[in-house]
């Protein structure tokens, strides 16, 4: 190996990851969620009291949004269920 090749390798190793902290976290978290360990952790969380409460809050919010959309559609005469 010549000194030029060694320098080239050093430059390649020093490539800086320019992604934001959030992007790095997001990629690592997706990898974790896909792993077996992540799947077990998710199941454990979703069956816990904290997970059940979070799911209820989420579903209540979605229900309220859908209810508002349907009400607006019904008032505008777009909703097919009112015919």
C-alpha atoms as a PDB file:
ATOM      1  CA  UNK A   1       0.000   0.000   0.000  1.00  0.00           C
ATOM      2  CA  UNK A   2       1.267   3.391  -0.894  1.00  0.00           C
ATOM      3  CA  UNK A   3       0.969   6.357   1.391  1.00  0.00           C
ATOM      4  CA  UNK A   4      -1.614   7.824  -0.992  1.00  0.00           C
ATOM      5  CA  UNK A   5      -3.886   4.774  -0.575  1.00  0.00           C
ATOM      6  CA  UNK A   6      -3.508   4.913   3.203  1.00  0.00           C
ATOM      7  CA  UNK A   7      -4.522   8.580   3.215  1.00  0.00           C
ATOM      8  CA  UNK A   8      -7.525   7.782   1.004  1.00  0.00           C
ATOM      9  CA  UNK A   9      -8.675   5.092   3.458  1.00  0.00           C
ATOM     10  CA  UNK A  10      -8.318   7.495   6.394  1.00  0.00           C
ATOM     11  CA  UNK A  11     -10.458  10.059   4.579  1.00  0.00           C
ATOM     12  CA  UNK A  12     -13.134   7.442   3.849  1.00  0.00           C
ATOM     13  CA  UNK A  13     -13.227   6.406   7.521  1.00  0.00           C
ATOM     14  CA  UNK A  14     -13.700  10.008   8.665  1.00  0.00           C
ATOM     15  CA  UNK A  15     -16.932  10.527   6.724  1.00  0.00           C
ATOM     16  CA  UNK A  16     -19.134  12.595   9.000  1.00  0.00           C
ATOM     17  CA  UNK A  17     -22.776  11.662   9.410  1.00  0.00           C
ATOM     18  CA  UNK A  18     -24.571  14.905   8.568  1.00  0.00           C
ATOM     19  CA  UNK A  19     -28.066  13.686   9.417  1.00  0.00           C
ATOM     20  CA  UNK A  20     -29.833  15.429  12.245  1.00  0.00           C
ATOM     21  CA  UNK A  21     -30.019  13.863  15.670  1.00  0.00           C
ATOM     22  CA  UNK A  22     -33.717  13.148  15.135  1.00  0.00           C
ATOM     23  CA  UNK A  23     -33.058  11.338  11.837  1.00  0.00           C
ATOM     24  CA  UNK A  24     -30.397   9.167  13.478  1.00  0.00           C
ATOM     25  CA  UNK A  25     -32.731   8.384  16.384  1.00  0.00           C
ATOM     26  CA  UNK A  26     -35.628   7.607  14.049  1.00  0.00           C
ATOM     27  CA  UNK A  27     -33.561   5.161  11.996  1.00  0.00           C
ATOM     28  CA  UNK A  28     -32.198   3.429  15.102  1.00  0.00           C
ATOM     29  CA  UNK A  29     -35.661   3.259  16.659  1.00  0.00           C
ATOM     30  CA  UNK A  30     -37.186   1.676  13.543  1.00  0.00           C
ATOM     31  CA  UNK A  31     -34.422  -0.926  13.596  1.00  0.00           C
ATOM     32  CA  UNK A  32     -35.143  -1.598  17.290  1.00  0.00           C
ATOM     33  CA  UNK A  33     -38.907  -1.858  16.715  1.00  0.00           C
ATOM     34  CA  UNK A  34     -38.326  -4.397  13.953  1.00  0.00           C
ATOM     35  CA  UNK A  35     -36.127  -6.552  16.179  1.00  0.00           C
ATOM     36  CA  UNK A  36     -37.468  -9.339  18.367  1.00  0.00           C
ATOM     37  CA  UNK A  37     -36.493  -7.417  21.501  1.00  0.00           C
ATOM     38  CA  UNK A  38     -38.473  -4.398  20.300  1.00  0.00           C
ATOM     39  CA  UNK A  39     -41.537  -6.502  19.507  1.00  0.00           C
ATOM     40  CA  UNK A  40     -41.526  -7.974  23.011  1.00  0.00           C
ATOM     41  CA  UNK A  41     -41.137  -4.524  24.579  1.00  0.00           C
ATOM     42  CA  UNK A  42     -44.030  -3.165  22.521  1.00  0.00           C
ATOM     43  CA  UNK A  43     -46.337  -6.027  23.518  1.00  0.00           C
ATOM     44  CA  UNK A  44     -45.400  -5.542  27.162  1.00  0.00           C
ATOM     45  CA  UNK A  45     -46.083  -1.789  26.964  1.00  0.00           C
ATOM     46  CA  UNK A  46     -49.383  -2.103  25.096  1.00  0.00           C
ATOM     47  CA  UNK A  47     -50.778  -4.537  27.670  1.00  0.00           C
ATOM     48  CA  UNK A  48     -49.665  -2.408  30.637  1.00  0.00           C
ATOM     49  CA  UNK A  49     -51.963   0.149  32.266  1.00  0.00           C
ATOM     50  CA  UNK A  50     -49.927   2.965  30.767  1.00  0.00           C
ATOM     51  CA  UNK A  51     -50.213   1.529  27.251  1.00  0.00           C
ATOM     52  CA  UNK A  52     -53.936   0.876  27.558  1.00  0.00           C
ATOM     53  CA  UNK A  53     -54.495   4.466  28.724  1.00  0.00           C
ATOM     54  CA  UNK A  54     -52.417   5.809  25.829  1.00  0.00           C
ATOM     55  CA  UNK A  55     -54.397   3.763  23.323  1.00  0.00           C
ATOM     56  CA  UNK A  56     -57.687   5.003  24.830  1.00  0.00           C
ATOM     57  CA  UNK A  57     -56.526   8.635  24.562  1.00  0.00           C
ATOM     58  CA  UNK A  58     -55.493   8.100  20.948  1.00  0.00           C
ATOM     59  CA  UNK A  59     -58.745   6.379  19.990  1.00  0.00           C
ATOM     60  CA  UNK A  60     -60.837   9.058  21.728  1.00  0.00           C
ATOM     61  CA  UNK A  61     -59.001  11.776  19.797  1.00  0.00           C
ATOM     62  CA  UNK A  62     -59.499   9.934  16.488  1.00  0.00           C
ATOM     63  CA  UNK A  63     -63.183   9.361  17.299  1.00  0.00           C
ATOM     64  CA  UNK A  64     -63.733  13.069  17.978  1.00  0.00           C
ATOM     65  CA  UNK A  65     -61.987  14.038  14.715  1.00  0.00           C
ATOM     66  CA  UNK A  66     -64.047  11.576  12.669  1.00  0.00           C
ATOM     67  CA  UNK A  67     -67.237  12.688  14.379  1.00  0.00           C
ATOM     68  CA  UNK A  68     -66.514  16.332  13.479  1.00  0.00           C
ATOM     69  CA  UNK A  69     -65.778  15.415   9.843  1.00  0.00           C
ATOM     70  CA  UNK A  70     -69.004  13.413   9.527  1.00  0.00           C
ATOM     71  CA  UNK A  71     -71.021  16.196  11.129  1.00  0.00           C
ATOM     72  CA  UNK A  72     -69.615  18.763   8.693  1.00  0.00           C
ATOM     73  CA  UNK A  73     -70.298  16.434   5.747  1.00  0.00           C
ATOM     74  CA  UNK A  74     -73.848  15.785   6.930  1.00  0.00           C
ATOM     75  CA  UNK A  75     -74.542  19.503   7.230  1.00  0.00           C
ATOM     76  CA  UNK A  76     -73.145  20.103   3.744  1.00  0.00           C
ATOM     77  CA  UNK A  77     -75.268  17.279   2.314  1.00  0.00           C
ATOM     78  CA  UNK A  78     -72.249  15.238   1.209  1.00  0.00           C
ATOM     79  CA  UNK A  79     -72.688  12.322   3.599  1.00  0.00           C
ATOM     80  CA  UNK A  80     -74.452   9.419   1.882  1.00  0.00           C
ATOM     81  CA  UNK A  81     -75.834   8.005   5.130  1.00  0.00           C
ATOM     82  CA  UNK A  82     -78.357  10.833   5.541  1.00  0.00           C
ATOM     83  CA  UNK A  83     -80.245  10.087   2.308  1.00  0.00           C
END
